[in-house]
C-alpha atoms as a PDB file:
ATOM      1  CA  MET A   1      -5.727   5.045  -4.417  1.00  0.00           C
ATOM      2  CA  SER A   2      -4.000   6.623  -7.329  1.00  0.00           C
ATOM      3  CA  ALA A   3      -2.045   9.850  -7.097  1.00  0.00           C
ATOM      4  CA  MET A   4      -0.548  12.281  -9.651  1.00  0.00           C
ATOM      5  CA  THR A   5       3.207  12.490  -9.322  1.00  0.00           C
ATOM      6  CA  ASP A   6       4.961  15.698  -8.477  1.00  0.00           C
ATOM      7  CA  TYR A   7       6.019  15.919 -12.088  1.00  0.00           C
ATOM      8  CA  LEU A   8       2.407  15.957 -13.408  1.00  0.00           C
ATOM      9  CA  GLU A   9       1.171  18.227 -10.542  1.00  0.00           C
ATOM     10  CA  ASN A  10       3.934  20.785 -11.400  1.00  0.00           C
ATOM     11  CA  LYS A  11       3.112  20.666 -15.028  1.00  0.00           C
ATOM     12  CA  LEU A  12      -0.617  21.155 -14.446  1.00  0.00           C
ATOM     13  CA  VAL A  13      -0.022  24.094 -11.991  1.00  0.00           C
ATOM     14  CA  ASP A  14       2.211  25.797 -14.532  1.00  0.00           C
ATOM     15  CA  HIS A  15      -0.243  25.034 -17.450  1.00  0.00           C
ATOM     16  CA  ILE A  16      -3.374  26.169 -15.727  1.00  0.00           C
ATOM     17  CA  LEU A  17      -2.316  28.913 -13.376  1.00  0.00           C
ATOM     18  CA  ARG A  18       0.941  30.217 -14.884  1.00  0.00           C
ATOM     19  CA  ALA A  19       0.194  30.129 -18.630  1.00  0.00           C
ATOM     20  CA  THR A  20       3.078  27.701 -19.351  1.00  0.00           C
ATOM     21  CA  PRO A  21       2.109  25.299 -22.115  1.00  0.00           C
ATOM     22  CA  TYR A  22       1.920  21.534 -21.327  1.00  0.00           C
ATOM     23  CA  THR A  23       1.488  19.229 -24.171  1.00  0.00           C
ATOM     24  CA  ALA A  24      -0.461  16.095 -23.217  1.00  0.00           C
ATOM     25  CA  PRO A  25       1.485  12.825 -23.942  1.00  0.00           C
ATOM     26  CA  ALA A  26       0.928  11.234 -27.334  1.00  0.00           C
ATOM     27  CA  SER A  27       0.894   7.773 -25.696  1.00  0.00           C
ATOM     28  CA  LEU A  28       0.394   6.454 -22.158  1.00  0.00           C
ATOM     29  CA  TRP A  29       1.992   3.287 -20.833  1.00  0.00           C
ATOM     30  CA  VAL A  30       1.199   1.254 -17.720  1.00  0.00           C
ATOM     31  CA  ALA A  31       4.075  -0.208 -15.718  1.00  0.00           C
ATOM     32  CA  LEU A  32       4.241  -2.602 -12.847  1.00  0.00           C
ATOM     33  CA  PHE A  33       6.473  -2.283  -9.697  1.00  0.00           C
ATOM     34  CA  THR A  34       7.804  -4.646  -7.023  1.00  0.00           C
ATOM     35  CA  THR A  35       8.614  -1.776  -4.584  1.00  0.00           C
ATOM     36  CA  SER A  36       6.610   1.267  -3.539  1.00  0.00           C
ATOM     37  CA  THR A  37       6.080   4.168  -5.942  1.00  0.00           C
ATOM     38  CA  THR A  38       5.610   7.678  -4.610  1.00  0.00           C
ATOM     39  CA  ASP A  39       4.587  11.068  -5.797  1.00  0.00           C
ATOM     40  CA  ALA A  40       8.260  11.750  -6.340  1.00  0.00           C
ATOM     41  CA  GLY A  41       8.513   8.664  -8.634  1.00  0.00           C
ATOM     42  CA  GLY A  42      10.687   5.897  -7.580  1.00  0.00           C
ATOM     43  CA  GLY A  43       9.951   2.238  -6.989  1.00  0.00           C
ATOM     44  CA  THR A  44      11.545  -0.796  -8.761  1.00  0.00           C
ATOM     45  CA  GLU A  45       9.856  -1.615 -12.083  1.00  0.00           C
ATOM     46  CA  VAL A  46       9.680  -5.232 -13.083  1.00  0.00           C
ATOM     47  CA  ALA A  47      12.535  -6.107 -15.493  1.00  0.00           C
ATOM     48  CA  GLY A  48      13.303  -9.124 -17.618  1.00  0.00           C
ATOM     49  CA  GLY A  49      11.210 -12.273 -18.297  1.00  0.00           C
ATOM     50  CA  ALA A  50       9.483 -10.614 -21.264  1.00  0.00           C
ATOM     51  CA  TYR A  51       8.101  -7.806 -19.185  1.00  0.00           C
ATOM     52  CA  ALA A  52       7.198  -4.640 -21.042  1.00  0.00           C
ATOM     53  CA  ARG A  53       5.008  -1.653 -20.296  1.00  0.00           C
ATOM     54  CA  VAL A  54       1.647  -1.781 -21.999  1.00  0.00           C
ATOM     55  CA  GLN A  55       0.268   1.155 -24.071  1.00  0.00           C
ATOM     56  CA  CYS A  56      -3.092   2.424 -22.831  1.00  0.00           C
ATOM     57  CA  GLY A  57      -4.162   5.433 -24.831  1.00  0.00           C
ATOM     58  CA  PRO A  58      -4.806   8.226 -24.380  1.00  0.00           C
ATOM     59  CA  SER A  59      -8.151   7.817 -26.096  1.00  0.00           C
ATOM     60  CA  LEU A  60     -11.890   7.805 -25.533  1.00  0.00           C
ATOM     61  CA  THR A  61     -11.880   4.005 -25.927  1.00  0.00           C
ATOM     62  CA  ALA A  62      -9.068   3.276 -23.506  1.00  0.00           C
ATOM     63  CA  TRP A  63     -10.452   5.279 -20.543  1.00  0.00           C
ATOM     64  CA  LYS A  64     -13.944   6.034 -19.312  1.00  0.00           C
ATOM     65  CA  GLY A  65     -14.924   9.550 -18.515  1.00  0.00           C
ATOM     66  CA  THR A  66     -15.864  10.602 -15.005  1.00  0.00           C
ATOM     67  CA  HIS A  67     -19.501   9.968 -16.015  1.00  0.00           C
ATOM     68  CA  GLY A  68     -18.688   6.234 -16.352  1.00  0.00           C
ATOM     69  CA  ASN A  69     -18.675   5.619 -20.143  1.00  0.00           C
ATOM     70  CA  THR A  70     -16.410   6.178 -23.128  1.00  0.00           C
ATOM     71  CA  SER A  71     -18.605   8.758 -25.064  1.00  0.00           C
ATOM     72  CA  GLY A  72     -18.697  12.428 -24.564  1.00  0.00           C
ATOM     73  CA  ALA A  73     -16.807  14.773 -22.261  1.00  0.00           C
ATOM     74  CA  SER A  74     -16.434  13.908 -18.575  1.00  0.00           C
ATOM     75  CA  SER A  75     -19.382  15.223 -16.582  1.00  0.00           C
ATOM     76  CA  GLY A  76     -19.124  13.254 -13.288  1.00  0.00           C
ATOM     77  CA  THR A  77     -18.443  14.782  -9.931  1.00  0.00           C
ATOM     78  CA  GLY A  78     -15.901  12.406  -8.365  1.00  0.00           C
ATOM     79  CA  GLY A  79     -12.947  12.745 -10.610  1.00  0.00           C
ATOM     80  CA  VAL A  80     -12.786   8.988 -11.115  1.00  0.00           C
ATOM     81  CA  SER A  81     -11.759   7.298 -14.414  1.00  0.00           C
ATOM     82  CA  GLN A  82     -11.115   3.621 -15.107  1.00  0.00           C
ATOM     83  CA  ASN A  83      -9.786   1.554 -17.967  1.00  0.00           C
ATOM     84  CA  ALA A  84     -12.430   0.843 -20.497  1.00  0.00           C
ATOM     85  CA  ALA A  85     -10.778  -2.293 -21.875  1.00  0.00           C
ATOM     86  CA  ALA A  86      -8.443  -4.959 -20.518  1.00  0.00           C
ATOM     87  CA  ILE A  87      -4.742  -3.993 -20.162  1.00  0.00           C
ATOM     88  CA  SER A  88      -2.725  -7.227 -20.603  1.00  0.00           C
ATOM     89  CA  PHE A  89       1.028  -7.548 -20.080  1.00  0.00           C
ATOM     90  CA  PRO A  90       3.178 -10.142 -21.892  1.00  0.00           C
ATOM     91  CA  THR A  91       3.326 -13.713 -20.598  1.00  0.00           C
ATOM     92  CA  PRO A  92       6.236 -13.928 -18.099  1.00  0.00           C
ATOM     93  CA  THR A  93       9.136 -16.086 -19.156  1.00  0.00           C
ATOM     94  CA  ALA A  94      10.754 -15.738 -15.745  1.00  0.00           C
ATOM     95  CA  ASP A  95       9.620 -14.803 -12.223  1.00  0.00           C
ATOM     96  CA  TRP A  96       8.625 -11.154 -11.994  1.00  0.00           C
ATOM     97  CA  GLY A  97       8.238 -11.175  -8.225  1.00  0.00           C
ATOM     98  CA  SER A  98       5.584  -9.722  -5.963  1.00  0.00           C
ATOM     99  CA  ILE A  99       3.906  -6.748  -7.757  1.00  0.00           C
ATOM    100  CA  GLY A 100       2.153  -4.348  -5.467  1.00  0.00           C
ATOM    101  CA  TRP A 101       2.205  -1.009  -7.443  1.00  0.00           C
ATOM    102  CA  TYR A 102       1.501   0.424 -10.817  1.00  0.00           C
ATOM    103  CA  ALA A 103       2.329   3.645 -12.619  1.00  0.00           C
ATOM    104  CA  ILE A 104       1.344   5.422 -15.805  1.00  0.00           C
ATOM    105  CA  PHE A 105       4.228   6.841 -17.956  1.00  0.00           C
ATOM    106  CA  ASP A 106       4.453   9.032 -21.024  1.00  0.00           C
ATOM    107  CA  ALA A 107       6.922   6.613 -22.687  1.00  0.00           C
ATOM    108  CA  SER A 108       7.430   2.924 -23.307  1.00  0.00           C
ATOM    109  CA  SER A 109      10.687   3.043 -21.355  1.00  0.00           C
ATOM    110  CA  GLY A 110      12.122   5.857 -19.248  1.00  0.00           C
ATOM    111  CA  GLY A 111       9.926   8.892 -19.659  1.00  0.00           C
ATOM    112  CA  ASN A 112       7.935  10.650 -16.879  1.00  0.00           C
ATOM    113  CA  MET A 113       5.850   8.930 -14.295  1.00  0.00           C
ATOM    114  CA  LEU A 114       2.404  10.696 -14.329  1.00  0.00           C
ATOM    115  CA  ILE A 115       0.210   8.727 -11.991  1.00  0.00           C
ATOM    116  CA  GLN A 116       1.000   6.029  -9.546  1.00  0.00           C
ATOM    117  CA  GLY A 117      -0.528   3.931  -6.816  1.00  0.00           C
ATOM    118  CA  PRO A 118      -0.799   0.588  -5.072  1.00  0.00           C
ATOM    119  CA  LEU A 119      -2.632  -2.422  -6.270  1.00  0.00           C
ATOM    120  CA  GLN A 120      -5.680  -3.485  -4.253  1.00  0.00           C
ATOM    121  CA  ALA A 121      -3.830  -6.701  -3.484  1.00  0.00           C
ATOM    122  CA  PRO A 122      -0.170  -7.573  -4.360  1.00  0.00           C
ATOM    123  CA  LYS A 123       0.219 -10.320  -6.938  1.00  0.00           C
ATOM    124  CA  THR A 124       3.117 -12.682  -7.248  1.00  0.00           C
ATOM    125  CA  VAL A 125       3.902 -13.333 -10.917  1.00  0.00           C
ATOM    126  CA  ASN A 126       6.085 -16.298 -11.688  1.00  0.00           C
ATOM    127  CA  LEU A 127       7.287 -18.193 -14.823  1.00  0.00           C
ATOM    128  CA  GLY A 128       4.400 -20.062 -16.430  1.00  0.00           C
ATOM    129  CA  ASP A 129       1.652 -17.777 -14.936  1.00  0.00           C
ATOM    130  CA  PRO A 130      -0.890 -16.405 -17.286  1.00  0.00           C
ATOM    131  CA  SER A 131      -0.359 -12.833 -18.584  1.00  0.00           C
ATOM    132  CA  PRO A 132      -1.058 -10.382 -15.774  1.00  0.00           C
ATOM    133  CA  SER A 133      -3.836  -8.002 -16.653  1.00  0.00           C
ATOM    134  CA  PHE A 134      -6.183  -5.315 -15.448  1.00  0.00           C
ATOM    135  CA  LEU A 135      -9.676  -6.291 -16.610  1.00  0.00           C
ATOM    136  CA  ALA A 136     -11.945  -3.468 -17.780  1.00  0.00           C
ATOM    137  CA  ASP A 137     -12.785  -1.158 -14.832  1.00  0.00           C
ATOM    138  CA  GLN A 138     -10.037  -2.631 -12.593  1.00  0.00           C
ATOM    139  CA  LEU A 139      -7.500   0.130 -12.948  1.00  0.00           C
ATOM    140  CA  ILE A 140      -9.230   3.032 -11.162  1.00  0.00           C
ATOM    141  CA  LEU A 141      -7.706   6.565 -11.238  1.00  0.00           C
ATOM    142  CA  THR A 142      -8.886   9.302  -9.053  1.00  0.00           C
ATOM    143  CA  PHE A 143      -8.110  12.992  -9.810  1.00  0.00           C
ATOM    144  CA  ALA A 144      -8.933  14.853  -6.659  1.00  0.00           C
END
């Protein structure tokens, strides 16, 4: 299950409850990790072998609303969104290791981790493997 990081939780508390402006990120980037991410951030992001974070919005076409589709404002009741289109990483040119976690950042490198969580099943990615990807509806984010 996904979780907002402490960084994003603090920004939202300040924005909603304390009248401190928070500007939504202009772009979002999905990253892959070989060690556990937490609400505090952390984890070991994949490096080398042509790895790069993948841009994924923000947009109505990148993510489904809580009502399950890409049109209109979210009106669902579970706080769940999922990717509306495939998110495909570069083809590995070296072993990436066993990937068990993902995170969404506000930058293509560095930046702030916003949301993180474990994969449903770890995946070992080696040289010669096809490009790792999340097919549509496979990256499920819960805001609860």
